Amino acid sequence: MAQARAATIEDVAREAGVSRAAVSKVIRNAYGVSPAMRERVNAAIEVLDYRPRIAARTMRGSSFTLGIELPHIGNPFFAKIIAGATAALQGTDYQLIIAPADTDGEEGVRAIGALADRQVDGIVAISPLVSPEWLERLATRVPVVMLGRHDHAHSYDTVTGDDVEGTRLVMEHLFELGHRRIVHLTRSEEVTRASSGNPHAIRLARYRAHMQEAGFARHIRVVRTGMTEESARLDTLALLDQELPTAIFVGNDELALGTLRAVAEHGLSPAEVSVVGYDDIDIASHPAISLTSVNQAGEAMGERAIRLLLERIQGRTEPTNFSVEPSLKVRGSTRPAPTEPTP
C-alpha cells in the first residue's frame, strides 16, 4: 500500500479557504492575524495533521525550538530545571531540545555551538567553564540565558541562586551544632577558580571566609572531586582514611550522596560525621537518605530562564539578572558535633 502523502502548506490553505501567506502568518504567530483567521487555519492544520518542516520554519525566521545545554545529564538537580523549563513552555508553540555535555570546558562550547547551528530560537546553558567573551559573541546571534553563572553580562541574561546566602545558612547551621572541623568537598580548581562567577567558586570562597571569621582557620580543609556521585564516594573514603572531620559541607547533592555512602561504608553515623549538601534534590528528603541541603528552587530557576529567553525573542535587549532566595532544609544527616577530647 502506498504511503499517504504528507499535507503541505498549500493543502492547509485550500482547506481553510485562505491564502498560503495567511497560513504562514498563523504558523509564525505573526502580528495582524484575526482570531477568526487563526481559528480556521488551526482547524485545517488539525484536520490534515499538518507538520511544518523545521527547515522551512527556520527560513521564515523561527524554528520554534529552544535549546538547553547540561554539563552532566545524570545530576538530579538538572531534572528539576528541565521540569520548570517544560512547565514554562506549556501553551506555547516551542519545543525544548536538550544537549548534554558530560564534561566541562570545550565540551560545553561544542554542545552550545551545536544548538546554535541547529538554529534554535534561544539557548539556556549551564556551563561553568565557557568564557563570558565567547558567550557575549554568541548572544549577538541568538538569545542566551546562563543558568548558575554570576556573570556581569551585556548581551545575555543570568539566573542564579544566592550562593553567598546559601553558604551562610550551611555554615551557621553547622556552627550552631558545635562543629569546628568542617571539610568542604567541592569540584576541581578550574571549576572553583576565584572570580569565575561559578557557584562552586562562590561556595568555596564563602566557606573559607566563614571559617576564618569564626576563628577556625586552622581547620580549613578543601577536598577536590569530580562530577559524579562515585567520584565523591572515593574521595570521601580517602579523606576518612586520613582524618575524621565532624562535618562535611558538599558542593551539591549528587556529590553529597557519594559522601553519605562513604561515611556509611566507614561504619560512621551522622552523630559522628554530619553531611550537608546543596540543591535539595527530591531524594534528599527520602527517610532513608534524610540529607540536610540548601533548596534553591530548581523548578523556579528553569521556569524563569525560559521566560527570560522568550522575552529576549520578543525583543528585549537590556540584560536581566535573576537570583533565587535559598532556604536550608534541615534533616537527619546533621547532628550536634561529638564532644571533642580535652587537650
Protein backbone atom coordinates (compact mmCIF):
# COMPACT_ATOMS: atom_id res chain seq x y z
CA MET A 1 0.00 0.00 0.00
CA ALA A 2 1.36 3.41 -0.97
CA GLN A 3 2.22 5.71 1.92
CA ALA A 4 -0.14 8.67 2.28
CA ARG A 5 1.34 11.97 1.15
CA ALA A 6 2.12 14.41 3.95
CA ALA A 7 -0.03 17.53 3.95
CA THR A 8 1.58 20.71 2.64
CA ILE A 9 1.01 24.34 3.47
CA GLU A 10 -0.93 24.66 0.21
CA ASP A 11 -3.28 21.88 1.38
CA VAL A 12 -3.90 23.77 4.61
CA ALA A 13 -4.61 26.97 2.69
CA ARG A 14 -7.19 25.20 0.48
CA GLU A 15 -8.84 23.51 3.47
CA ALA A 16 -9.09 26.79 5.38
CA GLY A 17 -10.09 28.82 2.34
CA VAL A 18 -7.27 31.31 2.82
CA SER A 19 -4.02 32.21 1.10
CA ARG A 20 -0.71 30.41 1.62
CA ALA A 21 0.65 33.64 3.12
CA ALA A 22 -2.16 33.68 5.68
CA VAL A 23 -1.31 30.14 6.78
CA SER A 24 2.35 31.15 7.09
CA LYS A 25 1.42 34.11 9.29
CA VAL A 26 -0.61 31.89 11.61
CA ILE A 27 2.23 29.37 11.89
CA ARG A 28 4.71 32.15 12.65
CA ASN A 29 2.29 33.72 15.16
CA ALA A 30 2.76 36.94 13.21
CA TYR A 31 1.12 40.23 14.05
CA GLY A 32 -2.19 41.14 12.40
CA VAL A 33 -3.90 37.74 12.22
CA SER A 34 -7.57 37.92 13.22
CA PRO A 35 -8.98 35.39 15.72
CA ALA A 36 -11.34 34.03 13.07
CA MET A 37 -8.48 33.52 10.59
CA ARG A 38 -6.35 31.81 13.26
CA GLU A 39 -9.22 29.51 14.19
CA ARG A 40 -9.84 28.44 10.57
CA VAL A 41 -6.19 27.77 9.88
CA ASN A 42 -5.62 25.86 13.12
CA ALA A 43 -8.71 23.76 12.42
CA ALA A 44 -7.35 22.91 8.96
CA ILE A 45 -3.95 22.04 10.42
CA GLU A 46 -5.62 19.65 12.87
CA VAL A 47 -7.82 18.02 10.25
CA LEU A 48 -4.88 17.47 7.86
CA ASP A 49 -2.36 16.64 10.64
CA TYR A 50 -0.04 19.17 9.04
CA ARG A 51 3.53 19.27 10.43
CA PRO A 52 5.56 22.32 9.31
CA ARG A 53 9.08 21.33 8.31
CA ILE A 54 11.70 22.68 10.71
CA ALA A 55 13.93 23.89 7.88
CA ALA A 56 11.09 25.83 6.31
CA ARG A 57 10.13 27.39 9.62
CA THR A 58 13.73 28.41 10.21
CA MET A 59 13.92 30.10 6.81
CA ARG A 60 10.83 32.11 7.75
CA GLY A 61 12.66 33.37 10.84
CA SER A 62 11.80 30.89 13.60
CA SER A 63 12.37 27.20 14.30
CA PHE A 64 10.05 27.23 17.35
CA THR A 65 12.68 25.29 19.28
CA LEU A 66 14.68 26.28 22.34
CA GLY A 67 17.88 24.56 23.42
CA ILE A 68 19.14 23.73 26.89
CA GLU A 69 22.72 22.61 27.48
CA LEU A 70 23.50 20.50 30.56
CA PRO A 71 27.05 19.76 31.77
CA HIS A 72 26.12 16.41 33.37
CA ILE A 73 22.76 14.88 32.49
CA GLY A 74 22.95 12.49 35.46
CA ASN A 75 22.71 15.30 38.03
CA PRO A 76 19.18 15.07 39.56
CA PHE A 77 19.08 18.84 40.14
CA PHE A 78 19.06 19.39 36.39
CA ALA A 79 15.86 17.32 36.18
CA LYS A 80 14.22 20.00 38.34
CA ILE A 81 15.44 22.71 35.98
CA ILE A 82 14.11 20.85 32.94
CA ALA A 83 10.76 20.35 34.68
CA GLY A 84 10.50 24.09 35.30
CA ALA A 85 11.53 24.88 31.73
CA THR A 86 8.96 22.47 30.33
CA ALA A 87 6.23 23.99 32.50
CA ALA A 88 7.09 27.47 31.21
CA LEU A 89 6.64 26.28 27.61
CA GLN A 90 3.17 24.87 28.12
CA GLY A 91 0.69 26.69 25.92
CA THR A 92 3.40 27.94 23.55
CA ASP A 93 4.48 26.65 20.14
CA TYR A 94 8.03 25.97 21.33
CA GLN A 95 9.74 22.62 21.84
CA LEU A 96 12.77 22.00 24.05
CA ILE A 97 15.95 20.37 22.73
CA ILE A 98 18.41 19.04 25.33
CA ALA A 99 22.14 18.97 24.54
CA PRO A 100 24.14 17.08 27.20
CA ALA A 101 27.84 17.76 27.73
CA ASP A 102 29.27 15.18 30.12
CA THR A 103 32.48 17.10 30.66
CA ASP A 104 33.25 20.74 31.38
CA GLY A 105 35.17 23.19 29.20
CA GLU A 106 35.34 22.64 25.44
CA GLU A 107 32.56 20.05 25.54
CA GLY A 108 30.23 22.77 26.78
CA VAL A 109 31.29 25.03 23.91
CA ARG A 110 30.60 22.25 21.40
CA ALA A 111 27.17 21.46 22.88
CA ILE A 112 26.09 25.11 22.92
CA GLY A 113 27.51 25.63 19.44
CA ALA A 114 25.60 22.60 18.17
CA LEU A 115 22.36 24.12 19.45
CA ALA A 116 23.16 27.40 17.70
CA ASP A 117 23.97 25.52 14.47
CA ARG A 118 20.59 23.79 14.79
CA GLN A 119 19.16 27.33 14.55
CA VAL A 120 17.20 27.17 17.78
CA ASP A 121 15.45 30.41 18.68
CA GLY A 122 17.20 30.67 22.06
CA ILE A 123 19.58 28.82 24.38
CA VAL A 124 19.64 28.15 28.13
CA ALA A 125 23.10 26.96 29.17
CA ILE A 126 24.59 25.53 32.37
CA SER A 127 28.26 25.65 31.51
CA PRO A 128 30.76 26.64 34.22
CA LEU A 129 33.88 26.94 32.06
CA VAL A 130 32.65 28.61 28.87
CA SER A 131 34.21 32.07 28.70
CA PRO A 132 31.99 35.16 29.08
CA GLU A 133 33.63 36.64 25.99
CA TRP A 134 32.54 33.67 23.86
CA LEU A 135 29.03 33.89 25.32
CA GLU A 136 28.83 37.61 24.57
CA ARG A 137 29.67 36.93 20.91
CA LEU A 138 27.16 34.09 20.72
CA ALA A 139 24.43 36.22 22.30
CA THR A 140 24.68 38.73 19.46
CA ARG A 141 23.36 35.97 17.15
CA VAL A 142 20.91 34.05 19.35
CA PRO A 143 19.25 34.90 22.71
CA VAL A 144 21.13 33.28 25.62
CA VAL A 145 20.32 32.77 29.30
CA MET A 146 23.12 31.40 31.51
CA LEU A 147 21.88 29.41 34.47
CA GLY A 148 24.05 29.31 37.60
CA ARG A 149 26.70 31.79 36.42
CA HIS A 150 27.15 35.03 38.36
CA ASP A 151 28.33 36.91 35.26
CA HIS A 152 28.06 40.66 34.65
CA ALA A 153 26.86 40.24 31.09
CA HIS A 154 25.87 42.81 28.50
CA SER A 155 24.24 40.63 25.84
CA TYR A 156 22.77 37.70 27.78
CA ASP A 157 20.74 37.09 30.93
CA THR A 158 21.61 35.11 34.06
CA VAL A 159 19.56 33.07 36.52
CA THR A 160 21.31 32.09 39.73
CA GLY A 161 20.81 31.04 43.30
CA ASP A 162 22.12 33.30 46.04
CA ASP A 163 25.20 31.21 46.79
CA VAL A 164 26.54 33.68 49.35
CA GLU A 165 23.35 33.36 51.40
CA GLY A 166 23.12 29.62 50.86
CA THR A 167 26.63 29.06 52.16
CA ARG A 168 25.93 31.31 55.16
CA LEU A 169 22.92 29.16 56.03
CA VAL A 170 25.04 26.00 55.88
CA MET A 171 27.93 27.33 57.95
CA GLU A 172 25.77 28.96 60.62
CA HIS A 173 23.80 25.73 60.97
CA LEU A 174 26.99 23.72 61.49
CA PHE A 175 28.47 26.28 63.87
CA GLU A 176 25.27 26.25 65.95
CA LEU A 177 25.59 22.46 66.19
CA GLY A 178 29.10 22.94 67.60
CA HIS A 179 31.11 21.87 64.57
CA ARG A 180 34.61 23.22 64.13
CA ARG A 181 36.42 20.63 62.00
CA ILE A 182 34.37 21.20 58.85
CA VAL A 183 35.66 19.94 55.49
CA HIS A 184 34.41 21.35 52.19
CA LEU A 185 34.19 18.80 49.37
CA THR A 186 33.98 20.60 46.04
CA ARG A 187 34.90 20.45 42.36
CA SER A 188 38.24 20.94 40.62
CA GLU A 189 40.44 24.03 40.93
CA GLU A 190 39.46 25.02 37.37
CA VAL A 191 35.75 24.98 38.23
CA THR A 192 36.28 26.84 41.53
CA ARG A 193 38.64 29.47 40.16
CA ALA A 194 38.24 32.73 42.07
CA SER A 195 36.17 35.43 40.33
CA SER A 196 34.87 32.89 37.78
CA GLY A 197 31.25 33.51 38.75
CA ASN A 198 30.77 29.77 39.18
CA PRO A 199 28.51 28.73 42.10
CA HIS A 200 31.11 26.24 43.36
CA ALA A 201 33.73 29.02 43.42
CA ILE A 202 31.47 31.26 45.49
CA ARG A 203 30.55 28.47 47.92
CA LEU A 204 34.23 27.66 48.40
CA ALA A 205 35.22 31.29 48.96
CA ARG A 206 32.42 31.82 51.47
CA TYR A 207 33.25 28.57 53.31
CA ARG A 208 36.80 29.78 53.80
CA ALA A 209 35.63 33.24 54.85
CA HIS A 210 33.17 31.87 57.44
CA MET A 211 35.80 29.53 58.89
CA GLN A 212 38.29 32.38 59.21
CA GLU A 213 35.74 34.80 60.70
CA ALA A 214 34.73 32.19 63.26
CA GLY A 215 38.35 31.68 64.32
CA PHE A 216 38.65 28.20 62.79
CA ALA A 217 41.14 28.96 60.04
CA ARG A 218 43.41 26.13 61.23
CA HIS A 219 40.57 23.67 60.49
CA ILE A 220 40.01 24.75 56.87
CA ARG A 221 40.25 21.69 54.64
CA VAL A 222 39.22 21.52 50.98
CA VAL A 223 38.85 18.19 49.19
CA ARG A 224 38.56 18.15 45.39
CA THR A 225 36.44 15.67 43.46
CA GLY A 226 34.88 15.08 40.06
CA MET A 227 31.34 15.48 38.68
CA THR A 228 29.79 12.20 39.84
CA GLU A 229 28.50 10.51 42.98
CA GLU A 230 31.10 7.77 42.61
CA SER A 231 33.99 10.23 42.43
CA ALA A 232 32.74 11.88 45.63
CA ARG A 233 32.44 8.49 47.34
CA LEU A 234 36.03 7.57 46.51
CA ASP A 235 37.44 10.96 47.52
CA THR A 236 35.49 10.94 50.77
CA LEU A 237 36.78 7.45 51.55
CA ALA A 238 40.32 8.72 51.01
CA LEU A 239 39.62 11.65 53.34
CA LEU A 240 38.20 9.44 56.10
CA ASP A 241 41.23 7.15 55.85
CA GLN A 242 43.41 10.15 56.73
CA GLU A 243 41.32 12.08 59.27
CA LEU A 244 37.87 12.30 60.79
CA PRO A 245 36.15 15.68 60.45
CA THR A 246 32.97 16.28 62.41
CA ALA A 247 31.15 17.67 59.37
CA ILE A 248 31.45 17.73 55.57
CA PHE A 249 29.87 20.52 53.52
CA VAL A 250 29.48 19.15 49.98
CA GLY A 251 29.18 21.34 46.87
CA ASN A 252 25.98 19.72 45.55
CA ASP A 253 23.58 16.91 46.41
CA GLU A 254 24.76 14.45 43.78
CA LEU A 255 28.22 14.58 45.33
CA ALA A 256 26.70 14.53 48.83
CA LEU A 257 25.07 11.17 48.07
CA GLY A 258 28.53 9.77 47.39
CA THR A 259 29.80 11.28 50.64
CA LEU A 260 26.92 9.71 52.59
CA ARG A 261 27.79 6.32 51.10
CA ALA A 262 31.43 6.69 52.07
CA VAL A 263 30.54 7.70 55.63
CA ALA A 264 28.27 4.66 55.95
CA GLU A 265 30.94 2.36 54.46
CA HIS A 266 33.31 3.57 57.15
CA GLY A 267 30.76 2.50 59.76
CA LEU A 268 30.10 6.07 60.84
CA SER A 269 26.78 7.72 61.68
CA PRO A 270 25.58 11.34 61.37
CA ALA A 271 26.31 11.69 65.08
CA GLU A 272 29.99 11.21 64.21
CA VAL A 273 30.19 12.92 60.80
CA SER A 274 27.45 15.31 59.68
CA VAL A 275 26.90 15.88 55.95
CA VAL A 276 25.28 18.89 54.25
CA GLY A 277 24.51 19.08 50.55
CA TYR A 278 23.32 21.77 48.15
CA ASP A 279 20.33 21.76 45.73
CA ASP A 280 17.74 19.77 47.74
CA ILE A 281 17.09 17.17 45.07
CA ASP A 282 13.97 15.04 45.52
CA ILE A 283 15.72 12.03 47.06
CA ALA A 284 17.29 14.22 49.75
CA SER A 285 14.00 14.18 51.68
CA HIS A 286 13.61 10.38 51.49
CA PRO A 287 13.63 8.99 55.06
CA ALA A 288 16.44 6.58 54.17
CA ILE A 289 18.60 9.50 52.98
CA SER A 290 17.41 12.47 55.08
CA LEU A 291 20.05 14.82 53.71
CA THR A 292 20.28 18.35 55.07
CA SER A 293 20.52 20.54 51.97
CA VAL A 294 20.12 24.05 50.60
CA ASN A 295 16.99 24.41 48.49
CA GLN A 296 17.39 26.86 45.61
CA ALA A 297 14.12 26.14 43.79
CA GLY A 298 15.37 24.36 40.68
CA GLU A 299 11.96 24.36 39.02
CA ALA A 300 11.63 28.12 39.52
CA MET A 301 15.10 28.64 38.05
CA GLY A 302 14.23 26.63 34.93
CA GLU A 303 10.91 28.39 34.50
CA ARG A 304 12.42 31.86 34.91
CA ALA A 305 15.23 31.04 32.46
CA ILE A 306 12.69 30.14 29.76
CA ARG A 307 10.57 33.22 30.44
CA LEU A 308 13.63 35.45 30.12
CA LEU A 309 14.52 33.69 26.88
CA LEU A 310 11.04 34.29 25.46
CA GLU A 311 11.30 37.96 26.43
CA ARG A 312 14.59 38.15 24.53
CA ILE A 313 12.99 36.53 21.49
CA GLN A 314 10.20 39.10 21.65
CA GLY A 315 12.70 41.95 21.52
CA ARG A 316 14.02 42.80 24.98
CA THR A 317 17.70 43.81 24.79
CA GLU A 318 18.70 45.00 28.26
CA PRO A 319 20.39 42.32 30.42
CA THR A 320 18.49 40.81 33.34
CA ASN A 321 19.99 39.06 36.36
CA PHE A 322 17.55 36.98 38.41
CA SER A 323 18.53 35.44 41.76
CA VAL A 324 16.60 32.78 43.70
CA GLU A 325 16.50 33.10 47.50
CA PRO A 326 17.72 29.84 49.11
CA SER A 327 16.49 28.07 52.23
CA LEU A 328 18.09 25.37 54.36
CA LYS A 329 16.19 22.10 54.76
CA VAL A 330 17.47 20.56 57.99
CA ARG A 331 17.22 16.76 58.14
CA GLY A 332 18.83 13.80 59.86
CA SER A 333 22.25 13.96 58.19
CA THR A 334 23.35 16.78 60.51
CA ARG A 335 23.64 16.30 64.27
CA PRO A 336 25.40 18.10 67.12
CA ALA A 337 29.16 17.76 66.91
CA PRO A 338 30.65 14.97 69.00
CA THR A 339 32.39 16.09 72.17
CA GLU A 340 35.98 17.00 71.43
CA PRO A 341 38.62 15.36 73.63
CA THR A 342 40.21 17.64 76.22
CA PRO A 343 43.66 18.74 75.01
